[in-house]
Amino acid sequence: MRTCTACVLHRSRGATTTARAYPPDHTPALCARHQQAAADPRHTAPLDIAGLPELTHAHHFHRRLARSPSFTTALTWAATITTRWYDHHQHLHTRWQARLARLTTTNPHTRKGPASPALTCRTLITYPETLTLAAALTRIPPHGLTHNDRSGFLHRLAGRLELTHLTPATHDSLWTRINTR
């Protein structure tokens, strides 16, 4: 993906305007300093994320979480879960649609190209909730939760995600993870 143009110009002393970045899996390339992000290599320019402060907050949160050894596995689970929720319009659909609308309004170039912004910006759109979910999943023991612990976990997670309630179906990946034995 293209990296932050301001960082490249600064580090190369103006010699080039493009460079590539290879962010970790399930993570958008984000520059909190210059308010730019790269969501997908099909975009012709970095995305302006100044109108989406929640992405910058999530980026700082991610840097703290990444120190935990169990975080990588939890992030993989969380990305799988939020991707499914996003694709099936579950739980956070209204919030994500509003975030996508703000992003595409600020970055009209995302509407051009071989794929829709709903697809090419999905990782960026779901990023804050994916990290919140990953942080919660790091607290689940490898053998899953007991029946008594499940409702408390889901209630706390709903609060962190700013939802009134969270009741995943039995075929939901979140349900699978909290019931892993």
N, C-alpha and C. Protein backbone atom coordinates (compact mmCIF):
# COMPACT_ATOMS: atom_id res chain seq x y z
N MET A 1 0.84 -1.17 0.00
CA MET A 1 0.00 0.00 0.00
C MET A 1 0.89 1.24 0.00
N ARG A 2 0.33 2.30 -0.52
CA ARG A 2 1.07 3.56 -0.47
C ARG A 2 1.11 4.06 0.97
N THR A 3 2.22 4.64 1.34
CA THR A 3 2.36 5.16 2.69
C THR A 3 1.98 6.63 2.73
N CYS A 4 2.08 7.20 3.90
CA CYS A 4 1.76 8.61 4.11
C CYS A 4 2.67 9.48 3.24
N THR A 5 2.09 10.26 2.38
CA THR A 5 2.88 11.10 1.47
C THR A 5 3.69 12.14 2.22
N ALA A 6 3.16 12.69 3.30
CA ALA A 6 3.89 13.70 4.08
C ALA A 6 5.13 13.10 4.74
N CYS A 7 5.02 11.89 5.27
CA CYS A 7 6.17 11.23 5.89
C CYS A 7 7.24 10.92 4.85
N VAL A 8 6.83 10.43 3.68
CA VAL A 8 7.79 10.10 2.62
C VAL A 8 8.52 11.35 2.16
N LEU A 9 7.79 12.43 1.93
CA LEU A 9 8.43 13.67 1.50
C LEU A 9 9.42 14.18 2.54
N HIS A 10 9.07 14.07 3.80
CA HIS A 10 9.96 14.53 4.86
C HIS A 10 11.22 13.67 4.93
N ARG A 11 11.06 12.36 4.93
CA ARG A 11 12.21 11.46 5.08
C ARG A 11 13.11 11.42 3.85
N SER A 12 12.53 11.64 2.67
CA SER A 12 13.35 11.59 1.45
C SER A 12 13.85 12.96 1.04
N ARG A 13 13.56 13.95 1.87
CA ARG A 13 13.93 15.35 1.60
C ARG A 13 13.38 15.80 0.25
N GLY A 14 12.15 15.39 -0.04
CA GLY A 14 11.45 15.84 -1.24
C GLY A 14 11.82 15.10 -2.51
N ALA A 15 12.62 14.05 -2.43
CA ALA A 15 13.08 13.33 -3.62
C ALA A 15 12.00 12.46 -4.24
N THR A 16 11.04 11.99 -3.46
CA THR A 16 9.99 11.11 -3.98
C THR A 16 8.69 11.39 -3.21
N THR A 17 7.58 11.02 -3.80
CA THR A 17 6.30 11.21 -3.13
C THR A 17 5.60 9.89 -2.84
N THR A 18 6.15 8.77 -3.31
CA THR A 18 5.50 7.49 -3.07
C THR A 18 6.45 6.51 -2.42
N ALA A 19 5.89 5.66 -1.62
CA ALA A 19 6.60 4.56 -1.00
C ALA A 19 5.55 3.52 -0.63
N ARG A 20 5.98 2.31 -0.36
CA ARG A 20 5.06 1.23 -0.01
C ARG A 20 5.21 0.86 1.45
N ALA A 21 4.12 0.46 2.05
CA ALA A 21 4.12 -0.02 3.44
C ALA A 21 3.47 -1.39 3.46
N TYR A 22 3.88 -2.18 4.41
CA TYR A 22 3.34 -3.53 4.56
C TYR A 22 2.82 -3.67 5.99
N PRO A 23 1.59 -3.21 6.22
CA PRO A 23 1.06 -3.26 7.59
C PRO A 23 0.78 -4.71 8.01
N PRO A 24 0.75 -4.96 9.31
CA PRO A 24 0.41 -6.31 9.78
C PRO A 24 -0.99 -6.71 9.30
N ASP A 25 -1.23 -8.00 9.26
CA ASP A 25 -2.54 -8.50 8.85
C ASP A 25 -3.65 -7.85 9.67
N HIS A 26 -4.76 -7.61 9.00
CA HIS A 26 -5.97 -7.06 9.62
C HIS A 26 -5.81 -5.64 10.14
N THR A 27 -4.80 -4.93 9.64
CA THR A 27 -4.51 -3.59 10.12
C THR A 27 -4.31 -2.66 8.94
N PRO A 28 -4.99 -1.53 8.91
CA PRO A 28 -4.72 -0.57 7.83
C PRO A 28 -3.42 0.19 8.10
N ALA A 29 -2.77 0.63 7.03
CA ALA A 29 -1.58 1.49 7.20
C ALA A 29 -2.10 2.88 7.54
N LEU A 30 -1.74 3.37 8.71
CA LEU A 30 -2.30 4.62 9.21
C LEU A 30 -1.19 5.54 9.71
N CYS A 31 -1.26 6.81 9.37
CA CYS A 31 -0.34 7.80 9.91
C CYS A 31 -1.18 8.78 10.73
N ALA A 32 -1.11 8.61 12.05
CA ALA A 32 -1.89 9.47 12.94
C ALA A 32 -1.37 10.90 12.92
N ARG A 33 -0.09 11.06 12.67
CA ARG A 33 0.50 12.38 12.67
C ARG A 33 -0.04 13.25 11.53
N HIS A 34 -0.14 12.67 10.33
CA HIS A 34 -0.57 13.43 9.15
C HIS A 34 -2.01 13.13 8.74
N GLN A 35 -2.70 12.32 9.54
CA GLN A 35 -4.11 12.02 9.30
C GLN A 35 -4.34 11.41 7.91
N GLN A 36 -3.51 10.41 7.57
CA GLN A 36 -3.64 9.70 6.31
C GLN A 36 -3.70 8.20 6.59
N ALA A 37 -4.35 7.48 5.69
CA ALA A 37 -4.42 6.03 5.82
C ALA A 37 -4.44 5.41 4.43
N ALA A 38 -4.04 4.16 4.37
CA ALA A 38 -4.15 3.38 3.16
C ALA A 38 -4.97 2.15 3.51
N ALA A 39 -6.08 2.01 2.88
CA ALA A 39 -6.96 0.90 3.20
C ALA A 39 -6.79 -0.26 2.24
N ASP A 40 -6.40 0.02 1.02
CA ASP A 40 -6.34 -0.99 -0.01
C ASP A 40 -5.37 -0.55 -1.10
N PRO A 41 -4.58 -1.46 -1.64
CA PRO A 41 -3.62 -1.07 -2.68
C PRO A 41 -4.27 -0.55 -3.96
N ARG A 42 -5.55 -0.76 -4.16
CA ARG A 42 -6.22 -0.27 -5.37
C ARG A 42 -6.50 1.23 -5.33
N HIS A 43 -6.34 1.85 -4.17
CA HIS A 43 -6.53 3.29 -4.09
C HIS A 43 -5.32 4.00 -4.67
N THR A 44 -5.56 5.05 -5.41
CA THR A 44 -4.48 5.76 -6.10
C THR A 44 -3.76 6.75 -5.20
N ALA A 45 -4.30 7.05 -4.05
CA ALA A 45 -3.69 8.01 -3.14
C ALA A 45 -4.08 7.64 -1.71
N PRO A 46 -3.29 8.09 -0.73
CA PRO A 46 -3.69 7.85 0.66
C PRO A 46 -5.03 8.53 0.97
N LEU A 47 -5.70 8.04 1.97
CA LEU A 47 -7.00 8.58 2.35
C LEU A 47 -6.85 9.60 3.46
N ASP A 48 -7.57 10.68 3.35
CA ASP A 48 -7.60 11.70 4.39
C ASP A 48 -8.56 11.21 5.48
N ILE A 49 -8.05 11.04 6.68
CA ILE A 49 -8.89 10.54 7.78
C ILE A 49 -9.09 11.59 8.87
N ALA A 50 -8.82 12.85 8.56
CA ALA A 50 -8.97 13.91 9.56
C ALA A 50 -10.40 13.98 10.12
N GLY A 51 -11.40 13.65 9.31
CA GLY A 51 -12.78 13.69 9.75
C GLY A 51 -13.22 12.45 10.50
N LEU A 52 -12.28 11.53 10.75
CA LEU A 52 -12.59 10.28 11.45
C LEU A 52 -11.63 10.11 12.65
N PRO A 53 -11.79 10.92 13.68
CA PRO A 53 -10.85 10.85 14.81
C PRO A 53 -10.82 9.50 15.51
N GLU A 54 -11.89 8.73 15.39
CA GLU A 54 -11.92 7.42 16.02
C GLU A 54 -10.84 6.49 15.45
N LEU A 55 -10.42 6.73 14.20
CA LEU A 55 -9.37 5.90 13.61
C LEU A 55 -8.01 6.20 14.24
N THR A 56 -7.75 7.47 14.50
CA THR A 56 -6.50 7.86 15.16
C THR A 56 -6.46 7.33 16.58
N HIS A 57 -7.57 7.42 17.30
CA HIS A 57 -7.64 6.89 18.66
C HIS A 57 -7.40 5.38 18.64
N ALA A 58 -8.00 4.70 17.66
CA ALA A 58 -7.81 3.25 17.54
C ALA A 58 -6.35 2.91 17.26
N HIS A 59 -5.70 3.71 16.45
CA HIS A 59 -4.29 3.47 16.12
C HIS A 59 -3.42 3.55 17.38
N HIS A 60 -3.66 4.54 18.21
CA HIS A 60 -2.89 4.66 19.46
C HIS A 60 -3.21 3.50 20.41
N PHE A 61 -4.45 3.08 20.45
CA PHE A 61 -4.89 1.94 21.25
C PHE A 61 -4.19 0.67 20.75
N HIS A 62 -4.09 0.51 19.44
CA HIS A 62 -3.46 -0.66 18.83
C HIS A 62 -1.99 -0.76 19.24
N ARG A 63 -1.31 0.35 19.26
CA ARG A 63 0.11 0.35 19.63
C ARG A 63 0.30 -0.15 21.06
N ARG A 64 -0.63 0.17 21.96
CA ARG A 64 -0.55 -0.33 23.33
C ARG A 64 -0.86 -1.82 23.40
N LEU A 65 -1.89 -2.23 22.65
CA LEU A 65 -2.32 -3.63 22.68
C LEU A 65 -1.30 -4.58 22.07
N ALA A 66 -0.59 -4.12 21.06
CA ALA A 66 0.32 -4.99 20.31
C ALA A 66 1.42 -5.58 21.18
N ARG A 67 1.63 -5.04 22.36
CA ARG A 67 2.65 -5.56 23.27
C ARG A 67 2.26 -6.90 23.89
N SER A 68 0.97 -7.20 23.91
CA SER A 68 0.48 -8.44 24.52
C SER A 68 0.73 -9.63 23.58
N PRO A 69 1.31 -10.71 24.10
CA PRO A 69 1.59 -11.87 23.24
C PRO A 69 0.33 -12.52 22.67
N SER A 70 -0.78 -12.45 23.38
CA SER A 70 -2.01 -13.08 22.89
C SER A 70 -2.77 -12.18 21.91
N PHE A 71 -2.29 -10.97 21.69
CA PHE A 71 -3.01 -10.02 20.87
C PHE A 71 -3.11 -10.43 19.40
N THR A 72 -2.05 -11.02 18.83
CA THR A 72 -2.06 -11.39 17.42
C THR A 72 -3.17 -12.39 17.13
N THR A 73 -3.30 -13.39 17.96
CA THR A 73 -4.36 -14.39 17.78
C THR A 73 -5.73 -13.74 17.97
N ALA A 74 -5.85 -12.91 18.99
CA ALA A 74 -7.13 -12.23 19.25
C ALA A 74 -7.49 -11.31 18.10
N LEU A 75 -6.51 -10.65 17.51
CA LEU A 75 -6.77 -9.75 16.39
C LEU A 75 -7.27 -10.53 15.17
N THR A 76 -6.72 -11.71 14.95
CA THR A 76 -7.18 -12.55 13.84
C THR A 76 -8.64 -12.94 14.04
N TRP A 77 -8.97 -13.37 15.25
CA TRP A 77 -10.37 -13.70 15.57
C TRP A 77 -11.27 -12.47 15.40
N ALA A 78 -10.83 -11.35 15.96
CA ALA A 78 -11.65 -10.14 15.92
C ALA A 78 -11.88 -9.68 14.48
N ALA A 79 -10.85 -9.74 13.65
CA ALA A 79 -11.01 -9.32 12.24
C ALA A 79 -11.98 -10.24 11.52
N THR A 80 -11.91 -11.52 11.80
CA THR A 80 -12.84 -12.48 11.19
C THR A 80 -14.28 -12.15 11.61
N ILE A 81 -14.46 -11.87 12.88
CA ILE A 81 -15.79 -11.57 13.41
C ILE A 81 -16.34 -10.27 12.84
N THR A 82 -15.56 -9.20 12.89
CA THR A 82 -16.08 -7.91 12.41
C THR A 82 -16.27 -7.91 10.90
N THR A 83 -15.43 -8.64 10.16
CA THR A 83 -15.62 -8.74 8.72
C THR A 83 -16.96 -9.41 8.41
N ARG A 84 -17.24 -10.46 9.13
CA ARG A 84 -18.53 -11.15 8.93
C ARG A 84 -19.70 -10.23 9.31
N TRP A 85 -19.57 -9.53 10.43
CA TRP A 85 -20.63 -8.60 10.83
C TRP A 85 -20.82 -7.52 9.76
N TYR A 86 -19.74 -7.02 9.24
CA TYR A 86 -19.79 -5.97 8.22
C TYR A 86 -20.46 -6.50 6.95
N ASP A 87 -20.04 -7.67 6.50
CA ASP A 87 -20.58 -8.25 5.27
C ASP A 87 -22.05 -8.64 5.39
N HIS A 88 -22.48 -8.97 6.60
CA HIS A 88 -23.86 -9.41 6.81
C HIS A 88 -24.72 -8.34 7.49
N HIS A 89 -24.21 -7.10 7.56
CA HIS A 89 -24.96 -5.97 8.11
C HIS A 89 -25.49 -6.25 9.52
N GLN A 90 -24.60 -6.71 10.39
CA GLN A 90 -25.00 -7.04 11.76
C GLN A 90 -24.45 -6.04 12.76
N HIS A 91 -25.10 -5.91 13.87
CA HIS A 91 -24.69 -5.20 15.08
C HIS A 91 -24.29 -3.74 14.88
N LEU A 92 -23.24 -3.46 14.12
CA LEU A 92 -22.67 -2.11 14.02
C LEU A 92 -22.87 -1.51 12.63
N HIS A 93 -23.77 -2.05 11.86
CA HIS A 93 -23.94 -1.65 10.46
C HIS A 93 -24.20 -0.15 10.29
N THR A 94 -25.08 0.42 11.08
CA THR A 94 -25.41 1.84 10.96
C THR A 94 -24.18 2.71 11.22
N ARG A 95 -23.43 2.40 12.25
CA ARG A 95 -22.21 3.16 12.57
C ARG A 95 -21.20 3.05 11.43
N TRP A 96 -21.02 1.85 10.92
CA TRP A 96 -20.04 1.64 9.85
C TRP A 96 -20.46 2.33 8.56
N GLN A 97 -21.76 2.33 8.27
CA GLN A 97 -22.23 3.03 7.07
C GLN A 97 -21.99 4.54 7.19
N ALA A 98 -22.21 5.08 8.37
CA ALA A 98 -21.96 6.51 8.59
C ALA A 98 -20.47 6.82 8.46
N ARG A 99 -19.63 5.96 8.99
CA ARG A 99 -18.18 6.16 8.89
C ARG A 99 -17.73 6.07 7.43
N LEU A 100 -18.27 5.12 6.69
CA LEU A 100 -17.94 4.98 5.27
C LEU A 100 -18.38 6.21 4.48
N ALA A 101 -19.55 6.72 4.80
CA ALA A 101 -20.05 7.93 4.12
C ALA A 101 -19.13 9.12 4.38
N ARG A 102 -18.70 9.30 5.62
CA ARG A 102 -17.77 10.40 5.93
C ARG A 102 -16.45 10.23 5.20
N LEU A 103 -15.97 8.99 5.13
CA LEU A 103 -14.69 8.72 4.46
C LEU A 103 -14.77 8.98 2.96
N THR A 104 -15.84 8.52 2.33
CA THR A 104 -15.96 8.71 0.88
C THR A 104 -16.28 10.16 0.52
N THR A 105 -16.93 10.89 1.40
CA THR A 105 -17.17 12.32 1.16
C THR A 105 -15.85 13.08 1.16
N THR A 106 -14.99 12.76 2.10
CA THR A 106 -13.68 13.41 2.20
C THR A 106 -12.72 12.94 1.11
N ASN A 107 -12.90 11.73 0.63
CA ASN A 107 -12.01 11.12 -0.36
C ASN A 107 -12.81 10.65 -1.58
N PRO A 108 -13.25 11.57 -2.43
CA PRO A 108 -14.08 11.17 -3.57
C PRO A 108 -13.38 10.22 -4.54
N HIS A 109 -12.05 10.20 -4.54
CA HIS A 109 -11.33 9.29 -5.43
C HIS A 109 -11.58 7.82 -5.09
N THR A 110 -12.12 7.53 -3.90
CA THR A 110 -12.39 6.14 -3.53
C THR A 110 -13.57 5.57 -4.32
N ARG A 111 -14.40 6.44 -4.87
CA ARG A 111 -15.57 5.97 -5.61
C ARG A 111 -15.22 5.50 -7.02
N LYS A 112 -14.00 5.84 -7.47
CA LYS A 112 -13.55 5.41 -8.80
C LYS A 112 -12.67 4.18 -8.63
N GLY A 113 -12.68 3.34 -9.62
CA GLY A 113 -11.79 2.18 -9.56
C GLY A 113 -12.54 0.88 -9.71
N PRO A 114 -11.80 -0.22 -9.63
CA PRO A 114 -12.38 -1.53 -9.91
C PRO A 114 -13.27 -2.10 -8.80
N ALA A 115 -13.18 -1.55 -7.58
CA ALA A 115 -13.97 -2.09 -6.48
C ALA A 115 -14.62 -0.95 -5.69
N SER A 116 -15.70 -1.26 -5.04
CA SER A 116 -16.43 -0.25 -4.28
C SER A 116 -15.69 0.10 -3.00
N PRO A 117 -15.89 1.32 -2.50
CA PRO A 117 -15.27 1.70 -1.22
C PRO A 117 -15.78 0.84 -0.06
N ALA A 118 -16.97 0.30 -0.18
CA ALA A 118 -17.48 -0.58 0.88
C ALA A 118 -16.56 -1.79 1.06
N LEU A 119 -15.96 -2.23 -0.02
CA LEU A 119 -15.02 -3.35 0.04
C LEU A 119 -13.60 -2.87 0.33
N THR A 120 -13.12 -1.89 -0.41
CA THR A 120 -11.72 -1.48 -0.29
C THR A 120 -11.42 -0.77 1.03
N CYS A 121 -12.42 -0.25 1.68
CA CYS A 121 -12.20 0.48 2.95
C CYS A 121 -12.70 -0.31 4.16
N ARG A 122 -13.10 -1.55 3.97
CA ARG A 122 -13.70 -2.34 5.05
C ARG A 122 -12.80 -2.44 6.28
N THR A 123 -11.52 -2.76 6.09
CA THR A 123 -10.61 -2.90 7.23
C THR A 123 -10.49 -1.59 8.00
N LEU A 124 -10.44 -0.49 7.27
CA LEU A 124 -10.34 0.83 7.91
C LEU A 124 -11.63 1.18 8.64
N ILE A 125 -12.76 0.89 8.05
CA ILE A 125 -14.07 1.22 8.63
C ILE A 125 -14.30 0.43 9.92
N THR A 126 -13.91 -0.82 9.94
CA THR A 126 -14.16 -1.67 11.11
C THR A 126 -13.03 -1.63 12.13
N TYR A 127 -11.96 -0.93 11.83
CA TYR A 127 -10.74 -0.93 12.65
C TYR A 127 -10.98 -0.63 14.14
N PRO A 128 -11.67 0.42 14.53
CA PRO A 128 -11.85 0.67 15.98
C PRO A 128 -12.56 -0.47 16.70
N GLU A 129 -13.61 -0.99 16.10
CA GLU A 129 -14.37 -2.06 16.74
C GLU A 129 -13.59 -3.38 16.72
N THR A 130 -12.80 -3.60 15.68
CA THR A 130 -11.97 -4.80 15.63
C THR A 130 -10.97 -4.80 16.78
N LEU A 131 -10.36 -3.65 17.04
CA LEU A 131 -9.39 -3.56 18.14
C LEU A 131 -10.07 -3.70 19.50
N THR A 132 -11.25 -3.12 19.65
CA THR A 132 -11.99 -3.25 20.91
C THR A 132 -12.33 -4.72 21.16
N LEU A 133 -12.78 -5.39 20.12
CA LEU A 133 -13.12 -6.80 20.22
C LEU A 133 -11.87 -7.63 20.50
N ALA A 134 -10.76 -7.33 19.82
CA ALA A 134 -9.51 -8.07 20.05
C ALA A 134 -9.05 -7.92 21.50
N ALA A 135 -9.15 -6.72 22.05
CA ALA A 135 -8.76 -6.50 23.44
C ALA A 135 -9.61 -7.35 24.37
N ALA A 136 -10.90 -7.44 24.09
CA ALA A 136 -11.79 -8.27 24.92
C ALA A 136 -11.46 -9.76 24.77
N LEU A 137 -11.14 -10.18 23.55
CA LEU A 137 -10.86 -11.59 23.30
C LEU A 137 -9.55 -12.05 23.95
N THR A 138 -8.63 -11.13 24.20
CA THR A 138 -7.39 -11.53 24.88
C THR A 138 -7.65 -12.00 26.30
N ARG A 139 -8.80 -11.64 26.85
CA ARG A 139 -9.13 -12.00 28.23
C ARG A 139 -9.87 -13.34 28.34
N ILE A 140 -10.17 -13.95 27.19
CA ILE A 140 -10.87 -15.23 27.21
C ILE A 140 -9.84 -16.35 27.32
N PRO A 141 -10.03 -17.27 28.25
CA PRO A 141 -9.09 -18.39 28.35
C PRO A 141 -9.16 -19.26 27.08
N PRO A 142 -8.09 -19.98 26.76
CA PRO A 142 -8.06 -20.80 25.54
C PRO A 142 -9.19 -21.82 25.46
N HIS A 143 -9.68 -22.27 26.60
CA HIS A 143 -10.76 -23.27 26.61
C HIS A 143 -12.15 -22.65 26.53
N GLY A 144 -12.26 -21.34 26.39
CA GLY A 144 -13.56 -20.69 26.28
C GLY A 144 -14.11 -20.25 27.63
N LEU A 145 -15.32 -19.77 27.61
CA LEU A 145 -15.96 -19.29 28.83
C LEU A 145 -17.00 -20.28 29.32
N THR A 146 -17.22 -20.27 30.62
CA THR A 146 -18.29 -21.10 31.17
C THR A 146 -19.63 -20.44 30.87
N HIS A 147 -20.66 -21.16 31.05
CA HIS A 147 -22.01 -20.64 30.79
C HIS A 147 -22.27 -19.37 31.61
N ASN A 148 -21.86 -19.37 32.87
CA ASN A 148 -22.09 -18.21 33.74
C ASN A 148 -21.29 -17.00 33.30
N ASP A 149 -20.09 -17.21 32.75
CA ASP A 149 -19.23 -16.10 32.35
C ASP A 149 -19.63 -15.48 31.01
N ARG A 150 -20.30 -16.24 30.15
CA ARG A 150 -20.66 -15.75 28.81
C ARG A 150 -21.52 -14.50 28.84
N SER A 151 -22.57 -14.51 29.63
CA SER A 151 -23.48 -13.36 29.63
C SER A 151 -22.79 -12.11 30.15
N GLY A 152 -21.95 -12.24 31.16
CA GLY A 152 -21.21 -11.09 31.67
C GLY A 152 -20.22 -10.56 30.63
N PHE A 153 -19.53 -11.46 29.95
CA PHE A 153 -18.59 -11.07 28.91
C PHE A 153 -19.31 -10.32 27.79
N LEU A 154 -20.42 -10.87 27.33
CA LEU A 154 -21.18 -10.23 26.23
C LEU A 154 -21.74 -8.88 26.67
N HIS A 155 -22.17 -8.78 27.92
CA HIS A 155 -22.69 -7.51 28.43
C HIS A 155 -21.59 -6.45 28.47
N ARG A 156 -20.41 -6.81 28.98
CA ARG A 156 -19.28 -5.86 29.02
C ARG A 156 -18.82 -5.49 27.62
N LEU A 157 -18.77 -6.47 26.73
CA LEU A 157 -18.35 -6.20 25.36
C LEU A 157 -19.34 -5.28 24.66
N ALA A 158 -20.63 -5.49 24.87
CA ALA A 158 -21.64 -4.60 24.29
C ALA A 158 -21.42 -3.17 24.78
N GLY A 159 -21.12 -3.01 26.05
CA GLY A 159 -20.84 -1.68 26.60
C GLY A 159 -19.63 -1.04 25.94
N ARG A 160 -18.56 -1.81 25.76
CA ARG A 160 -17.35 -1.27 25.11
C ARG A 160 -17.60 -0.89 23.65
N LEU A 161 -18.48 -1.65 23.00
CA LEU A 161 -18.82 -1.36 21.60
C LEU A 161 -19.94 -0.33 21.48
N GLU A 162 -20.41 0.15 22.61
CA GLU A 162 -21.50 1.13 22.67
C GLU A 162 -22.78 0.60 22.03
N LEU A 163 -23.09 -0.64 22.36
CA LEU A 163 -24.33 -1.28 21.93
C LEU A 163 -25.20 -1.51 23.15
N THR A 164 -26.52 -1.51 22.96
CA THR A 164 -27.40 -1.76 24.09
C THR A 164 -27.32 -3.22 24.54
N HIS A 165 -27.14 -4.13 23.59
CA HIS A 165 -26.98 -5.55 23.91
C HIS A 165 -26.24 -6.22 22.76
N LEU A 166 -25.71 -7.40 23.03
CA LEU A 166 -25.00 -8.17 22.03
C LEU A 166 -25.36 -9.63 22.24
N THR A 167 -26.11 -10.17 21.31
CA THR A 167 -26.49 -11.57 21.39
C THR A 167 -26.13 -12.25 20.07
N PRO A 168 -24.92 -12.81 19.99
CA PRO A 168 -24.52 -13.46 18.75
C PRO A 168 -25.27 -14.78 18.55
N ALA A 169 -25.57 -15.07 17.31
CA ALA A 169 -26.23 -16.34 16.98
C ALA A 169 -25.22 -17.48 17.17
N THR A 170 -25.71 -18.68 17.25
CA THR A 170 -24.83 -19.83 17.48
C THR A 170 -23.87 -20.07 16.31
N HIS A 171 -24.19 -19.56 15.11
CA HIS A 171 -23.28 -19.73 13.96
C HIS A 171 -22.32 -18.54 13.82
N ASP A 172 -22.41 -17.56 14.72
CA ASP A 172 -21.53 -16.39 14.69
C ASP A 172 -20.13 -16.79 15.18
N SER A 173 -19.11 -16.22 14.56
CA SER A 173 -17.71 -16.52 14.95
C SER A 173 -17.42 -16.11 16.39
N LEU A 174 -18.06 -15.04 16.87
CA LEU A 174 -17.87 -14.65 18.27
C LEU A 174 -18.38 -15.75 19.19
N TRP A 175 -19.54 -16.29 18.89
CA TRP A 175 -20.10 -17.37 19.69
C TRP A 175 -19.15 -18.58 19.67
N THR A 176 -18.60 -18.87 18.50
CA THR A 176 -17.65 -19.98 18.38
C THR A 176 -16.45 -19.75 19.28
N ARG A 177 -15.89 -18.53 19.26
CA ARG A 177 -14.69 -18.25 20.06
C ARG A 177 -14.95 -18.31 21.56
N ILE A 178 -16.05 -17.76 22.01
CA ILE A 178 -16.28 -17.78 23.46
C ILE A 178 -16.70 -19.15 23.97
N ASN A 179 -17.05 -20.05 23.06
CA ASN A 179 -17.44 -21.40 23.45
C ASN A 179 -16.38 -22.45 23.11
N THR A 180 -15.22 -22.03 22.65
CA THR A 180 -14.15 -22.96 22.29
C THR A 180 -13.75 -23.75 23.50
N ARG A 181 -13.73 -25.02 23.36
CA ARG A 181 -13.33 -25.92 24.46
C ARG A 181 -12.08 -26.68 24.09
